[in-house]
Amino acid sequence: MPHNQFAIDGRLVELKSLRHTPAGVPVSEFRLEHESRQTEAGVDREVRCELAAVAIGDLARLIQGAKLGDAMRAAGFLANRGKSARQLVLHVTNIEFLEGK
């Protein structure tokens, strides 16, 4: 199977209300803002981006307890937002809140 794993540290900048699928599974959609310094081709550069993310099940409930500005490490896999959409969304399979960052 091809590899599709992604992890990023960021701050919570948007958190939509908890919703449920028709089967009753909780879903939380949110956005993370990432800022870091990375090296590319031997040159340091500032990196800043925002990423759409979704958490399902117990992780959806967990993220609902977070506050805007909270720092976290989110890991999971990337997928298109929908069947015909090209925008990528991080489907979170693990969340770690980062204290003091």
PDB file of N, CA and C in Angstrom:
ATOM      1  N   MET A   1       0.848  -1.184   0.000  1.00  0.00           N
ATOM      2  CA  MET A   1       0.000   0.000   0.000  1.00  0.00           C
ATOM      3  C   MET A   1       0.888   1.241   0.000  1.00  0.00           C
ATOM      4  N   PRO A   2       0.577   2.237  -0.810  1.00  0.00           N
ATOM      5  CA  PRO A   2       1.350   3.478  -0.827  1.00  0.00           C
ATOM      6  C   PRO A   2       1.260   4.206   0.512  1.00  0.00           C
ATOM      7  N   HIS A   3       2.305   4.935   0.815  1.00  0.00           N
ATOM      8  CA  HIS A   3       2.430   5.642   2.086  1.00  0.00           C
ATOM      9  C   HIS A   3       1.654   6.957   2.053  1.00  0.00           C
ATOM     10  N   ASN A   4       0.852   7.239   3.062  1.00  0.00           N
ATOM     11  CA  ASN A   4       0.123   8.511   3.190  1.00  0.00           C
ATOM     12  C   ASN A   4      -0.016   8.819   4.664  1.00  0.00           C
ATOM     13  N   GLN A   5       1.037   9.381   5.249  1.00  0.00           N
ATOM     14  CA  GLN A   5       1.010   9.814   6.636  1.00  0.00           C
ATOM     15  C   GLN A   5       1.553  11.219   6.694  1.00  0.00           C
ATOM     16  N   PHE A   6       0.949  12.040   7.559  1.00  0.00           N
ATOM     17  CA  PHE A   6       1.310  13.444   7.635  1.00  0.00           C
ATOM     18  C   PHE A   6       1.194  13.881   9.084  1.00  0.00           C
ATOM     19  N   ALA A   7       2.142  14.682   9.552  1.00  0.00           N
ATOM     20  CA  ALA A   7       2.086  15.239  10.898  1.00  0.00           C
ATOM     21  C   ALA A   7       2.529  16.692  10.833  1.00  0.00           C
ATOM     22  N   ILE A   8       1.882  17.518  11.656  1.00  0.00           N
ATOM     23  CA  ILE A   8       2.212  18.942  11.671  1.00  0.00           C
ATOM     24  C   ILE A   8       1.922  19.509  13.053  1.00  0.00           C
ATOM     25  N   ASP A   9       2.771  20.450  13.482  1.00  0.00           N
ATOM     26  CA  ASP A   9       2.525  21.198  14.705  1.00  0.00           C
ATOM     27  C   ASP A   9       1.868  22.505  14.311  1.00  0.00           C
ATOM     28  N   GLY A  10       0.894  22.926  15.075  1.00  0.00           N
ATOM     29  CA  GLY A  10       0.238  24.186  14.761  1.00  0.00           C
ATOM     30  C   GLY A  10      -0.647  24.658  15.884  1.00  0.00           C
ATOM     31  N   ARG A  11      -1.268  25.782  15.639  1.00  0.00           N
ATOM     32  CA  ARG A  11      -2.213  26.373  16.589  1.00  0.00           C
ATOM     33  C   ARG A  11      -3.613  26.314  15.996  1.00  0.00           C
ATOM     34  N   LEU A  12      -4.564  26.038  16.847  1.00  0.00           N
ATOM     35  CA  LEU A  12      -5.960  25.974  16.437  1.00  0.00           C
ATOM     36  C   LEU A  12      -6.449  27.395  16.145  1.00  0.00           C
ATOM     37  N   VAL A  13      -6.876  27.642  14.901  1.00  0.00           N
ATOM     38  CA  VAL A  13      -7.343  28.985  14.515  1.00  0.00           C
ATOM     39  C   VAL A  13      -8.824  29.011  14.135  1.00  0.00           C
ATOM     40  N   GLU A  14      -9.414  27.851  13.957  1.00  0.00           N
ATOM     41  CA  GLU A  14     -10.854  27.788  13.663  1.00  0.00           C
ATOM     42  C   GLU A  14     -11.369  26.429  14.107  1.00  0.00           C
ATOM     43  N   LEU A  15     -12.537  26.436  14.733  1.00  0.00           N
ATOM     44  CA  LEU A  15     -13.151  25.191  15.189  1.00  0.00           C
ATOM     45  C   LEU A  15     -14.652  25.296  14.951  1.00  0.00           C
ATOM     46  N   LYS A  16     -15.146  24.475  14.059  1.00  0.00           N
ATOM     47  CA  LYS A  16     -16.587  24.466  13.773  1.00  0.00           C
ATOM     48  C   LYS A  16     -17.311  23.652  14.844  1.00  0.00           C
ATOM     49  N   SER A  17     -18.605  23.849  14.936  1.00  0.00           N
ATOM     50  CA  SER A  17     -19.424  23.117  15.905  1.00  0.00           C
ATOM     51  C   SER A  17     -19.415  21.626  15.594  1.00  0.00           C
ATOM     52  N   LEU A  18     -19.512  20.841  16.631  1.00  0.00           N
ATOM     53  CA  LEU A  18     -19.586  19.387  16.473  1.00  0.00           C
ATOM     54  C   LEU A  18     -20.850  19.038  15.689  1.00  0.00           C
ATOM     55  N   ARG A  19     -20.690  18.160  14.704  1.00  0.00           N
ATOM     56  CA  ARG A  19     -21.843  17.651  13.960  1.00  0.00           C
ATOM     57  C   ARG A  19     -21.781  16.132  13.991  1.00  0.00           C
ATOM     58  N   HIS A  20     -22.811  15.505  13.493  1.00  0.00           N
ATOM     59  CA  HIS A  20     -22.859  14.039  13.476  1.00  0.00           C
ATOM     60  C   HIS A  20     -23.229  13.550  12.080  1.00  0.00           C
ATOM     61  N   THR A  21     -22.660  12.426  11.694  1.00  0.00           N
ATOM     62  CA  THR A  21     -23.019  11.787  10.438  1.00  0.00           C
ATOM     63  C   THR A  21     -24.420  11.200  10.587  1.00  0.00           C
ATOM     64  N   PRO A  22     -25.059  10.798   9.476  1.00  0.00           N
ATOM     65  CA  PRO A  22     -26.374  10.149   9.588  1.00  0.00           C
ATOM     66  C   PRO A  22     -26.341   8.904  10.488  1.00  0.00           C
ATOM     67  N   ALA A  23     -25.170   8.292  10.613  1.00  0.00           N
ATOM     68  CA  ALA A  23     -25.039   7.113  11.478  1.00  0.00           C
ATOM     69  C   ALA A  23     -24.775   7.499  12.938  1.00  0.00           C
ATOM     70  N   GLY A  24     -24.698   8.818  13.219  1.00  0.00           N
ATOM     71  CA  GLY A  24     -24.504   9.267  14.601  1.00  0.00           C
ATOM     72  C   GLY A  24     -23.063   9.425  15.029  1.00  0.00           C
ATOM     73  N   VAL A  25     -22.117   9.332  14.095  1.00  0.00           N
ATOM     74  CA  VAL A  25     -20.696   9.458  14.429  1.00  0.00           C
ATOM     75  C   VAL A  25     -20.335  10.946  14.510  1.00  0.00           C
ATOM     76  N   PRO A  26     -19.692  11.375  15.628  1.00  0.00           N
ATOM     77  CA  PRO A  26     -19.321  12.780  15.755  1.00  0.00           C
ATOM     78  C   PRO A  26     -18.197  13.177  14.798  1.00  0.00           C
ATOM     79  N   VAL A  27     -18.291  14.421  14.263  1.00  0.00           N
ATOM     80  CA  VAL A  27     -17.312  14.954  13.317  1.00  0.00           C
ATOM     81  C   VAL A  27     -16.996  16.393  13.711  1.00  0.00           C
ATOM     82  N   SER A  28     -15.699  16.715  13.779  1.00  0.00           N
ATOM     83  CA  SER A  28     -15.253  18.083  14.038  1.00  0.00           C
ATOM     84  C   SER A  28     -14.345  18.538  12.908  1.00  0.00           C
ATOM     85  N   GLU A  29     -14.676  19.681  12.325  1.00  0.00           N
ATOM     86  CA  GLU A  29     -13.825  20.292  11.308  1.00  0.00           C
ATOM     87  C   GLU A  29     -13.123  21.481  11.938  1.00  0.00           C
ATOM     88  N   PHE A  30     -11.827  21.634  11.631  1.00  0.00           N
ATOM     89  CA  PHE A  30     -11.053  22.724  12.210  1.00  0.00           C
ATOM     90  C   PHE A  30      -9.911  23.109  11.286  1.00  0.00           C
ATOM     91  N   ARG A  31      -9.231  24.209  11.629  1.00  0.00           N
ATOM     92  CA  ARG A  31      -8.074  24.682  10.859  1.00  0.00           C
ATOM     93  C   ARG A  31      -6.913  24.894  11.811  1.00  0.00           C
ATOM     94  N   LEU A  32      -5.733  24.501  11.342  1.00  0.00           N
ATOM     95  CA  LEU A  32      -4.492  24.711  12.078  1.00  0.00           C
ATOM     96  C   LEU A  32      -3.620  25.697  11.329  1.00  0.00           C
ATOM     97  N   GLU A  33      -2.941  26.560  12.069  1.00  0.00           N
ATOM     98  CA  GLU A  33      -1.958  27.470  11.491  1.00  0.00           C
ATOM     99  C   GLU A  33      -0.578  26.996  11.935  1.00  0.00           C
ATOM    100  N   HIS A  34       0.307  26.844  10.976  1.00  0.00           N
ATOM    101  CA  HIS A  34       1.668  26.363  11.233  1.00  0.00           C
ATOM    102  C   HIS A  34       2.660  27.473  10.915  1.00  0.00           C
ATOM    103  N   GLU A  35       3.644  27.659  11.797  1.00  0.00           N
ATOM    104  CA  GLU A  35       4.752  28.581  11.554  1.00  0.00           C
ATOM    105  C   GLU A  35       6.036  27.881  11.973  1.00  0.00           C
ATOM    106  N   SER A  36       7.048  27.937  11.095  1.00  0.00           N
ATOM    107  CA  SER A  36       8.336  27.323  11.429  1.00  0.00           C
ATOM    108  C   SER A  36       9.426  27.885  10.529  1.00  0.00           C
ATOM    109  N   ARG A  37      10.623  27.465  10.802  1.00  0.00           N
ATOM    110  CA  ARG A  37      11.778  27.793   9.978  1.00  0.00           C
ATOM    111  C   ARG A  37      12.268  26.475   9.397  1.00  0.00           C
ATOM    112  N   GLN A  38      12.355  26.396   8.071  1.00  0.00           N
ATOM    113  CA  GLN A  38      12.756  25.172   7.378  1.00  0.00           C
ATOM    114  C   GLN A  38      13.949  25.460   6.476  1.00  0.00           C
ATOM    115  N   THR A  39      14.718  24.417   6.193  1.00  0.00           N
ATOM    116  CA  THR A  39      15.844  24.541   5.274  1.00  0.00           C
ATOM    117  C   THR A  39      15.478  23.856   3.967  1.00  0.00           C
ATOM    118  N   GLU A  40      15.646  24.607   2.870  1.00  0.00           N
ATOM    119  CA  GLU A  40      15.347  24.086   1.536  1.00  0.00           C
ATOM    120  C   GLU A  40      16.516  24.436   0.626  1.00  0.00           C
ATOM    121  N   ALA A  41      17.114  23.425   0.023  1.00  0.00           N
ATOM    122  CA  ALA A  41      18.266  23.619  -0.869  1.00  0.00           C
ATOM    123  C   ALA A  41      19.367  24.418  -0.167  1.00  0.00           C
ATOM    124  N   GLY A  42      19.550  24.129   1.123  1.00  0.00           N
ATOM    125  CA  GLY A  42      20.609  24.777   1.887  1.00  0.00           C
ATOM    126  C   GLY A  42      20.296  26.185   2.353  1.00  0.00           C
ATOM    127  N   VAL A  43      19.076  26.654   2.108  1.00  0.00           N
ATOM    128  CA  VAL A  43      18.694  28.017   2.478  1.00  0.00           C
ATOM    129  C   VAL A  43      17.560  27.956   3.503  1.00  0.00           C
ATOM    130  N   ASP A  44      17.723  28.703   4.611  1.00  0.00           N
ATOM    131  CA  ASP A  44      16.659  28.781   5.613  1.00  0.00           C
ATOM    132  C   ASP A  44      15.541  29.675   5.107  1.00  0.00           C
ATOM    133  N   ARG A  45      14.304  29.285   5.427  1.00  0.00           N
ATOM    134  CA  ARG A  45      13.154  30.104   5.044  1.00  0.00           C
ATOM    135  C   ARG A  45      12.078  29.995   6.107  1.00  0.00           C
ATOM    136  N   GLU A  46      11.326  31.066   6.234  1.00  0.00           N
ATOM    137  CA  GLU A  46      10.178  31.085   7.133  1.00  0.00           C
ATOM    138  C   GLU A  46       9.005  30.423   6.415  1.00  0.00           C
ATOM    139  N   VAL A  47       8.297  29.567   7.124  1.00  0.00           N
ATOM    140  CA  VAL A  47       7.148  28.883   6.548  1.00  0.00           C
ATOM    141  C   VAL A  47       5.926  29.191   7.402  1.00  0.00           C
ATOM    142  N   ARG A  48       4.857  29.573   6.737  1.00  0.00           N
ATOM    143  CA  ARG A  48       3.589  29.812   7.420  1.00  0.00           C
ATOM    144  C   ARG A  48       2.483  29.308   6.509  1.00  0.00           C
ATOM    145  N   CYS A  49       1.586  28.495   7.064  1.00  0.00           N
ATOM    146  CA  CYS A  49       0.478  27.980   6.269  1.00  0.00           C
ATOM    147  C   CYS A  49      -0.688  27.633   7.178  1.00  0.00           C
ATOM    148  N   GLU A  50      -1.857  27.503   6.570  1.00  0.00           N
ATOM    149  CA  GLU A  50      -3.048  27.026   7.263  1.00  0.00           C
ATOM    150  C   GLU A  50      -3.496  25.739   6.598  1.00  0.00           C
ATOM    151  N   LEU A  51      -4.032  24.850   7.405  1.00  0.00           N
ATOM    152  CA  LEU A  51      -4.422  23.535   6.915  1.00  0.00           C
ATOM    153  C   LEU A  51      -5.794  23.166   7.455  1.00  0.00           C
ATOM    154  N   ALA A  52      -6.678  22.732   6.578  1.00  0.00           N
ATOM    155  CA  ALA A  52      -7.981  22.223   6.986  1.00  0.00           C
ATOM    156  C   ALA A  52      -7.800  20.815   7.535  1.00  0.00           C
ATOM    157  N   ALA A  53      -8.553  20.511   8.589  1.00  0.00           N
ATOM    158  CA  ALA A  53      -8.456  19.185   9.209  1.00  0.00           C
ATOM    159  C   ALA A  53      -9.841  18.730   9.663  1.00  0.00           C
ATOM    160  N   VAL A  54      -9.989  17.426   9.811  1.00  0.00           N
ATOM    161  CA  VAL A  54     -11.230  16.844  10.303  1.00  0.00           C
ATOM    162  C   VAL A  54     -10.881  15.709  11.266  1.00  0.00           C
ATOM    163  N   ALA A  55     -11.629  15.646  12.355  1.00  0.00           N
ATOM    164  CA  ALA A  55     -11.476  14.563  13.331  1.00  0.00           C
ATOM    165  C   ALA A  55     -12.825  13.874  13.473  1.00  0.00           C
ATOM    166  N   ILE A  56     -12.795  12.564  13.605  1.00  0.00           N
ATOM    167  CA  ILE A  56     -14.018  11.766  13.659  1.00  0.00           C
ATOM    168  C   ILE A  56     -14.005  10.901  14.915  1.00  0.00           C
ATOM    169  N   GLY A  57     -15.172  10.662  15.484  1.00  0.00           N
ATOM    170  CA  GLY A  57     -15.291   9.790  16.649  1.00  0.00           C
ATOM    171  C   GLY A  57     -14.790  10.460  17.921  1.00  0.00           C
ATOM    172  N   ASP A  58     -14.044   9.709  18.733  1.00  0.00           N
ATOM    173  CA  ASP A  58     -13.533  10.226  20.006  1.00  0.00           C
ATOM    174  C   ASP A  58     -12.640  11.444  19.813  1.00  0.00           C
ATOM    175  N   LEU A  59     -11.856  11.476  18.716  1.00  0.00           N
ATOM    176  CA  LEU A  59     -10.989  12.635  18.469  1.00  0.00           C
ATOM    177  C   LEU A  59     -11.819  13.884  18.175  1.00  0.00           C
ATOM    178  N   ALA A  60     -12.994  13.727  17.580  1.00  0.00           N
ATOM    179  CA  ALA A  60     -13.882  14.866  17.333  1.00  0.00           C
ATOM    180  C   ALA A  60     -14.321  15.475  18.657  1.00  0.00           C
ATOM    181  N   ARG A  61     -14.633  14.636  19.619  1.00  0.00           N
ATOM    182  CA  ARG A  61     -15.027  15.136  20.947  1.00  0.00           C
ATOM    183  C   ARG A  61     -13.840  15.784  21.646  1.00  0.00           C
ATOM    184  N   LEU A  62     -12.664  15.192  21.499  1.00  0.00           N
ATOM    185  CA  LEU A  62     -11.453  15.731  22.136  1.00  0.00           C
ATOM    186  C   LEU A  62     -11.149  17.134  21.619  1.00  0.00           C
ATOM    187  N   ILE A  63     -11.167  17.333  20.322  1.00  0.00           N
ATOM    188  CA  ILE A  63     -10.818  18.630  19.747  1.00  0.00           C
ATOM    189  C   ILE A  63     -11.860  19.685  20.131  1.00  0.00           C
ATOM    190  N   GLN A  64     -13.086  19.287  20.376  1.00  0.00           N
ATOM    191  CA  GLN A  64     -14.116  20.246  20.779  1.00  0.00           C
ATOM    192  C   GLN A  64     -13.802  20.886  22.135  1.00  0.00           C
ATOM    193  N   GLY A  65     -12.972  20.223  22.937  1.00  0.00           N
ATOM    194  CA  GLY A  65     -12.569  20.775  24.233  1.00  0.00           C
ATOM    195  C   GLY A  65     -11.416  21.757  24.139  1.00  0.00           C
ATOM    196  N   ALA A  66     -10.855  21.933  22.953  1.00  0.00           N
ATOM    197  CA  ALA A  66      -9.713  22.829  22.765  1.00  0.00           C
ATOM    198  C   ALA A  66     -10.193  24.273  22.630  1.00  0.00           C
ATOM    199  N   LYS A  67      -9.268  25.196  22.863  1.00  0.00           N
ATOM    200  CA  LYS A  67      -9.547  26.626  22.712  1.00  0.00           C
ATOM    201  C   LYS A  67      -8.758  27.156  21.533  1.00  0.00           C
ATOM    202  N   LEU A  68      -9.291  28.187  20.878  1.00  0.00           N
ATOM    203  CA  LEU A  68      -8.544  28.831  19.810  1.00  0.00           C
ATOM    204  C   LEU A  68      -7.192  29.286  20.352  1.00  0.00           C
ATOM    205  N   GLY A  69      -6.136  29.045  19.583  1.00  0.00           N
ATOM    206  CA  GLY A  69      -4.787  29.383  19.997  1.00  0.00           C
ATOM    207  C   GLY A  69      -4.037  28.232  20.637  1.00  0.00           C
ATOM    208  N   ASP A  70      -4.736  27.155  21.018  1.00  0.00           N
ATOM    209  CA  ASP A  70      -4.063  25.995  21.616  1.00  0.00           C
ATOM    210  C   ASP A  70      -3.083  25.383  20.619  1.00  0.00           C
ATOM    211  N   ALA A  71      -1.897  25.032  21.119  1.00  0.00           N
ATOM    212  CA  ALA A  71      -0.873  24.386  20.289  1.00  0.00           C
ATOM    213  C   ALA A  71      -1.075  22.877  20.326  1.00  0.00           C
ATOM    214  N   MET A  72      -0.905  22.248  19.154  1.00  0.00           N
ATOM    215  CA  MET A  72      -1.077  20.792  19.079  1.00  0.00           C
ATOM    216  C   MET A  72      -0.238  20.203  17.954  1.00  0.00           C
ATOM    217  N   ARG A  73      -0.024  18.911  18.047  1.00  0.00           N
ATOM    218  CA  ARG A  73       0.560  18.129  16.960  1.00  0.00           C
ATOM    219  C   ARG A  73      -0.561  17.240  16.452  1.00  0.00           C
ATOM    220  N   ALA A  74      -0.873  17.376  15.179  1.00  0.00           N
ATOM    221  CA  ALA A  74      -1.929  16.578  14.563  1.00  0.00           C
ATOM    222  C   ALA A  74      -1.294  15.648  13.533  1.00  0.00           C
ATOM    223  N   ALA A  75      -1.669  14.393  13.570  1.00  0.00           N
ATOM    224  CA  ALA A  75      -1.140  13.409  12.624  1.00  0.00           C
ATOM    225  C   ALA A  75      -2.296  12.636  12.018  1.00  0.00           C
ATOM    226  N   GLY A  76      -2.103  12.217  10.777  1.00  0.00           N
ATOM    227  CA  GLY A  76      -3.133  11.447  10.101  1.00  0.00           C
ATOM    228  C   GLY A  76      -2.786  11.262   8.644  1.00  0.00           C
ATOM    229  N   PHE A  77      -3.791  11.309   7.789  1.00  0.00           N
ATOM    230  CA  PHE A  77      -3.572  11.112   6.358  1.00  0.00           C
ATOM    231  C   PHE A  77      -4.269  12.220   5.580  1.00  0.00           C
ATOM    232  N   LEU A  78      -3.796  12.480   4.376  1.00  0.00           N
ATOM    233  CA  LEU A  78      -4.362  13.509   3.512  1.00  0.00           C
ATOM    234  C   LEU A  78      -5.338  12.885   2.518  1.00  0.00           C
ATOM    235  N   ALA A  79      -6.452  13.594   2.292  1.00  0.00           N
ATOM    236  CA  ALA A  79      -7.442  13.160   1.305  1.00  0.00           C
ATOM    237  C   ALA A  79      -8.132  14.398   0.743  1.00  0.00           C
ATOM    238  N   ASN A  80      -8.707  14.267  -0.436  1.00  0.00           N
ATOM    239  CA  ASN A  80      -9.492  15.359  -1.007  1.00  0.00           C
ATOM    240  C   ASN A  80     -10.713  15.609  -0.136  1.00  0.00           C
ATOM    241  N   ARG A  81     -11.154  16.873  -0.117  1.00  0.00           N
ATOM    242  CA  ARG A  81     -12.330  17.251   0.686  1.00  0.00           C
ATOM    243  C   ARG A  81     -13.569  16.454   0.262  1.00  0.00           C
ATOM    244  N   GLY A  82     -13.703  16.189  -1.017  1.00  0.00           N
ATOM    245  CA  GLY A  82     -14.842  15.430  -1.529  1.00  0.00           C
ATOM    246  C   GLY A  82     -14.443  14.704  -2.797  1.00  0.00           C
ATOM    247  N   LYS A  83     -15.371  13.978  -3.381  1.00  0.00           N
ATOM    248  CA  LYS A  83     -15.060  13.175  -4.565  1.00  0.00           C
ATOM    249  C   LYS A  83     -14.559  14.007  -5.733  1.00  0.00           C
ATOM    250  N   SER A  84     -15.143  15.194  -5.934  1.00  0.00           N
ATOM    251  CA  SER A  84     -14.722  16.009  -7.073  1.00  0.00           C
ATOM    252  C   SER A  84     -13.881  17.216  -6.650  1.00  0.00           C
ATOM    253  N   ALA A  85     -13.625  17.371  -5.362  1.00  0.00           N
ATOM    254  CA  ALA A  85     -12.845  18.513  -4.871  1.00  0.00           C
ATOM    255  C   ALA A  85     -11.352  18.206  -4.934  1.00  0.00           C
ATOM    256  N   ARG A  86     -10.566  19.250  -5.137  1.00  0.00           N
ATOM    257  CA  ARG A  86      -9.114  19.073  -5.197  1.00  0.00           C
ATOM    258  C   ARG A  86      -8.429  19.570  -3.928  1.00  0.00           C
ATOM    259  N   GLN A  87      -9.172  20.243  -3.042  1.00  0.00           N
ATOM    260  CA  GLN A  87      -8.588  20.765  -1.815  1.00  0.00           C
ATOM    261  C   GLN A  87      -8.286  19.607  -0.856  1.00  0.00           C
ATOM    262  N   LEU A  88      -7.069  19.614  -0.302  1.00  0.00           N
ATOM    263  CA  LEU A  88      -6.669  18.568   0.628  1.00  0.00           C
ATOM    264  C   LEU A  88      -7.121  18.888   2.044  1.00  0.00           C
ATOM    265  N   VAL A  89      -7.452  17.833   2.782  1.00  0.00           N
ATOM    266  CA  VAL A  89      -7.847  17.934   4.184  1.00  0.00           C
ATOM    267  C   VAL A  89      -7.064  16.871   4.951  1.00  0.00           C
ATOM    268  N   LEU A  90      -6.558  17.258   6.126  1.00  0.00           N
ATOM    269  CA  LEU A  90      -5.894  16.298   7.011  1.00  0.00           C
ATOM    270  C   LEU A  90      -6.962  15.558   7.805  1.00  0.00           C
ATOM    271  N   HIS A  91      -7.065  14.265   7.619  1.00  0.00           N
ATOM    272  CA  HIS A  91      -7.953  13.414   8.413  1.00  0.00           C
ATOM    273  C   HIS A  91      -7.144  12.942   9.614  1.00  0.00           C
ATOM    274  N   VAL A  92      -7.446  13.507  10.763  1.00  0.00           N
ATOM    275  CA  VAL A  92      -6.628  13.323  11.964  1.00  0.00           C
ATOM    276  C   VAL A  92      -6.895  11.963  12.603  1.00  0.00           C
ATOM    277  N   THR A  93      -5.808  11.241  12.884  1.00  0.00           N
ATOM    278  CA  THR A  93      -5.896   9.963  13.585  1.00  0.00           C
ATOM    279  C   THR A  93      -5.217  10.037  14.954  1.00  0.00           C
ATOM    280  N   ASN A  94      -4.501  11.145  15.222  1.00  0.00           N
ATOM    281  CA  ASN A  94      -3.853  11.329  16.523  1.00  0.00           C
ATOM    282  C   ASN A  94      -3.696  12.825  16.793  1.00  0.00           C
ATOM    283  N   ILE A  95      -4.028  13.256  17.991  1.00  0.00           N
ATOM    284  CA  ILE A  95      -3.835  14.642  18.421  1.00  0.00           C
ATOM    285  C   ILE A  95      -3.071  14.642  19.729  1.00  0.00           C
ATOM    286  N   GLU A  96      -2.031  15.479  19.779  1.00  0.00           N
ATOM    287  CA  GLU A  96      -1.261  15.666  21.010  1.00  0.00           C
ATOM    288  C   GLU A  96      -1.229  17.169  21.296  1.00  0.00           C
ATOM    289  N   PHE A  97      -1.773  17.565  22.433  1.00  0.00           N
ATOM    290  CA  PHE A  97      -1.730  18.981  22.802  1.00  0.00           C
ATOM    291  C   PHE A  97      -0.344  19.283  23.345  1.00  0.00           C
ATOM    292  N   LEU A  98       0.238  20.395  22.911  1.00  0.00           N
ATOM    293  CA  LEU A  98       1.590  20.773  23.267  1.00  0.00           C
ATOM    294  C   LEU A  98       1.551  21.868  24.323  1.00  0.00           C
ATOM    295  N   GLU A  99       1.905  21.517  25.530  1.00  0.00           N
ATOM    296  CA  GLU A  99       1.889  22.459  26.646  1.00  0.00           C
ATOM    297  C   GLU A  99       2.999  23.472  26.504  1.00  0.00           C
ATOM    298  N   GLY A 100       2.725  24.710  26.813  1.00  0.00           N
ATOM    299  CA  GLY A 100       3.748  25.739  26.877  1.00  0.00           C
ATOM    300  C   GLY A 100       4.333  26.157  25.540  1.00  0.00           C
ATOM    301  N   LYS A 101       3.685  25.858  24.438  1.00  0.00           N
ATOM    302  CA  LYS A 101       4.215  26.240  23.125  1.00  0.00           C
ATOM    303  C   LYS A 101       3.298  27.208  22.451  1.00  0.00           C
TER     304      LYS A 101
END
